[in-house]
Amino acid sequence: MGGFSDVTEKDYFAQSVVWAVEKKITSGTGNGKFSPGQTCTQAQILTFLWRAKGSPEPAGTAALPGVDGSAYYYKAALWAKELGIIEDAFAADAPCTRAMAVTYLWKQAGSPAAARANFTDVPSGADYAQAVAWAVEQDVTSGTGNNRFSPAQTCTRGQIVTFLYRAYQNK
């Protein structure tokens, strides 16, 4: 589906992948594959977020420690830093967790207040608790089952484009 041999109509992320490709958020990983089960890195999600917002030019060119100016995610990282989505510490190749993903989306949305989400694994004082609550209110996620959000679980490419699709498709 969507021109990828590893995405079928039955996959929960199929519509999200088609949307992400149409919006030029991603083009896959090569050789006709999207690699939906591959772990999504922090650089990838920031690049996807940036592209979903139209790839705006960062206002400045302040350096980010450890980020080469020729990296594919350089402008996305600068943009994310300018918006307060990330701080100076940025681990481009590190996996993106579910908590990070919803926090990035929430911060990009302006960090709006949200009612508490009642997941057994999201303490009310966690730095990502408001982001999780917002993501639930916005129908970005409903958790992973059994009243859990699984904040430390790494996100796959299929999950990330699904979060983005749910956050941005008609907004």
Protein backbone atom coordinates (compact mmCIF):
# COMPACT_ATOMS: atom_id res chain seq x y z
CA MET A 1 0.00 0.00 0.00
CA GLY A 2 1.25 3.50 -0.73
CA GLY A 3 3.88 1.96 -2.97
CA PHE A 4 5.49 0.03 -0.11
CA SER A 5 5.83 -3.74 -0.11
CA ASP A 6 5.78 -3.83 3.70
CA VAL A 7 2.51 -1.90 4.20
CA THR A 8 -0.83 -3.65 3.60
CA GLU A 9 -4.39 -2.32 3.73
CA LYS A 10 -4.98 -4.31 6.94
CA ASP A 11 -2.19 -2.57 8.87
CA TYR A 12 -3.42 -0.07 11.49
CA PHE A 13 -0.85 2.43 10.19
CA ALA A 14 -1.62 2.03 6.46
CA GLN A 15 -3.73 5.19 6.10
CA SER A 16 -1.19 7.12 8.18
CA VAL A 17 1.68 6.03 5.92
CA VAL A 18 -0.20 7.06 2.77
CA TRP A 19 -1.00 10.44 4.37
CA ALA A 20 2.63 10.98 5.49
CA VAL A 21 3.95 10.23 1.99
CA GLU A 22 1.34 12.48 0.33
CA LYS A 23 2.26 15.32 2.70
CA LYS A 24 5.99 14.73 2.04
CA ILE A 25 6.63 14.01 5.72
CA THR A 26 8.50 10.84 4.79
CA SER A 27 9.27 8.84 1.68
CA GLY A 28 10.18 5.53 3.23
CA THR A 29 13.50 3.85 3.80
CA GLY A 30 14.35 2.75 0.27
CA ASN A 31 13.89 -0.30 -1.94
CA GLY A 32 10.12 0.07 -1.88
CA LYS A 33 9.94 -0.25 1.91
CA PHE A 34 8.53 1.95 4.64
CA SER A 35 9.96 -0.16 7.49
CA PRO A 36 6.98 0.38 9.82
CA GLY A 37 8.43 -1.85 12.54
CA GLN A 38 11.81 -0.10 12.59
CA THR A 39 12.56 1.96 15.70
CA CYS A 40 12.09 5.68 15.09
CA THR A 41 14.97 7.88 16.22
CA GLN A 42 14.72 11.29 17.82
CA ALA A 43 16.12 12.84 14.63
CA GLN A 44 13.45 11.12 12.54
CA ILE A 45 10.50 12.25 14.66
CA LEU A 46 11.74 15.83 14.77
CA THR A 47 12.20 15.77 11.01
CA PHE A 48 8.70 14.32 10.56
CA LEU A 49 7.23 17.02 12.85
CA TRP A 50 9.10 19.75 10.99
CA ARG A 51 7.96 18.49 7.61
CA ALA A 52 4.38 18.13 8.86
CA LYS A 53 4.52 21.85 9.63
CA GLY A 54 5.79 22.69 6.14
CA SER A 55 9.55 22.60 6.80
CA PRO A 56 9.76 26.18 8.08
CA GLU A 57 13.13 27.88 8.02
CA PRO A 58 14.59 28.23 11.50
CA ALA A 59 14.89 31.86 12.59
CA GLY A 60 18.55 31.48 13.49
CA THR A 61 21.52 29.26 12.99
CA ALA A 62 22.53 28.69 16.60
CA ALA A 63 24.63 25.61 17.01
CA LEU A 64 23.29 22.51 18.66
CA PRO A 65 25.97 20.52 20.46
CA GLY A 66 26.81 17.37 18.53
CA VAL A 67 24.64 18.25 15.51
CA ASP A 68 26.52 18.63 12.24
CA GLY A 69 25.21 21.39 9.99
CA SER A 70 25.06 18.97 7.07
CA ALA A 71 22.86 16.39 8.88
CA TYR A 72 19.49 15.76 7.23
CA TYR A 73 17.76 16.74 10.47
CA TYR A 74 19.80 19.92 11.15
CA LYS A 75 17.08 22.45 10.25
CA ALA A 76 14.42 20.34 11.96
CA ALA A 77 16.48 20.25 15.15
CA LEU A 78 17.09 24.02 15.05
CA TRP A 79 13.38 24.63 14.50
CA ALA A 80 12.50 22.28 17.37
CA LYS A 81 14.97 24.05 19.67
CA GLU A 82 13.56 27.46 18.75
CA LEU A 83 10.05 26.25 19.64
CA GLY A 84 11.23 24.73 22.90
CA ILE A 85 10.46 21.19 21.75
CA ILE A 86 14.02 20.13 22.55
CA GLU A 87 16.79 21.60 24.66
CA ASP A 88 20.50 21.73 23.82
CA ALA A 89 20.83 18.05 24.73
CA PHE A 90 19.70 16.10 21.71
CA ALA A 91 20.48 12.47 20.94
CA ALA A 92 19.71 12.24 17.23
CA ASP A 93 20.28 8.51 16.84
CA ALA A 94 18.67 7.48 20.15
CA PRO A 95 15.27 5.81 20.00
CA CYS A 96 12.20 7.97 20.48
CA THR A 97 9.97 6.75 23.30
CA ARG A 98 6.20 7.09 23.50
CA ALA A 99 6.62 9.73 26.22
CA MET A 100 9.01 11.73 23.99
CA ALA A 101 6.73 11.47 20.97
CA VAL A 102 3.66 12.86 22.71
CA THR A 103 5.77 15.48 24.50
CA TYR A 104 7.20 16.73 21.20
CA LEU A 105 3.69 16.92 19.70
CA TRP A 106 2.29 18.62 22.81
CA LYS A 107 5.06 21.21 22.94
CA GLN A 108 4.67 21.92 19.23
CA ALA A 109 0.95 22.50 19.93
CA GLY A 110 1.85 25.12 22.55
CA SER A 111 1.78 22.90 25.68
CA PRO A 112 -1.96 23.27 26.29
CA ALA A 113 -3.44 22.25 29.63
CA ALA A 114 -5.25 18.94 29.67
CA ALA A 115 -7.15 16.85 32.18
CA ARG A 116 -5.21 14.03 33.78
CA ALA A 117 -5.05 10.79 31.80
CA ASN A 118 -5.66 7.86 34.10
CA PHE A 119 -2.92 5.45 33.11
CA THR A 120 -1.43 3.32 35.85
CA ASP A 121 2.08 3.89 34.49
CA VAL A 122 1.92 7.70 34.16
CA PRO A 123 2.49 9.35 37.55
CA SER A 124 0.69 12.69 37.87
CA GLY A 125 4.01 14.43 38.56
CA ALA A 126 5.85 13.00 35.55
CA ASP A 127 7.25 15.65 33.21
CA TYR A 128 5.31 14.04 30.37
CA ALA A 129 1.96 13.62 32.21
CA GLN A 130 0.33 16.72 30.65
CA ALA A 131 1.54 15.67 27.21
CA VAL A 132 0.00 12.21 27.63
CA ALA A 133 -3.28 13.73 28.84
CA TRP A 134 -3.33 16.10 25.86
CA ALA A 135 -2.58 13.26 23.43
CA VAL A 136 -5.51 11.28 24.82
CA GLU A 137 -7.84 14.31 24.61
CA GLN A 138 -6.76 14.89 21.00
CA ASP A 139 -7.24 11.20 20.08
CA VAL A 140 -3.56 10.87 19.20
CA THR A 141 -3.37 7.77 21.40
CA SER A 142 -5.51 5.76 23.75
CA GLY A 143 -2.59 3.93 25.33
CA THR A 144 -1.30 0.41 24.89
CA GLY A 145 -4.06 -1.49 26.70
CA ASN A 146 -4.78 -2.57 30.26
CA ASN A 147 -4.93 1.08 31.39
CA ARG A 148 -1.28 1.61 30.43
CA PHE A 149 0.47 4.16 28.26
CA SER A 150 3.92 2.51 28.24
CA PRO A 151 5.91 5.77 28.29
CA ALA A 152 9.35 4.14 28.03
CA GLN A 153 8.44 1.89 25.11
CA THR A 154 10.27 2.87 21.93
CA CYS A 155 8.18 3.99 18.99
CA THR A 156 8.26 2.44 15.58
CA ARG A 157 8.02 4.37 12.35
CA GLY A 158 4.47 3.04 11.93
CA GLN A 159 3.48 4.33 15.36
CA ILE A 160 5.05 7.75 14.83
CA VAL A 161 3.30 8.44 11.52
CA THR A 162 0.06 7.28 13.15
CA PHE A 163 0.53 9.77 16.01
CA LEU A 164 1.25 12.53 13.47
CA TYR A 165 -1.72 11.58 11.31
CA ARG A 166 -4.06 11.66 14.28
CA ALA A 167 -2.63 14.97 15.50
CA TYR A 168 -2.58 16.82 12.17
CA GLN A 169 -4.82 15.22 9.53
CA ASN A 170 -7.83 17.53 9.86
CA LYS A 171 -6.44 20.30 12.00
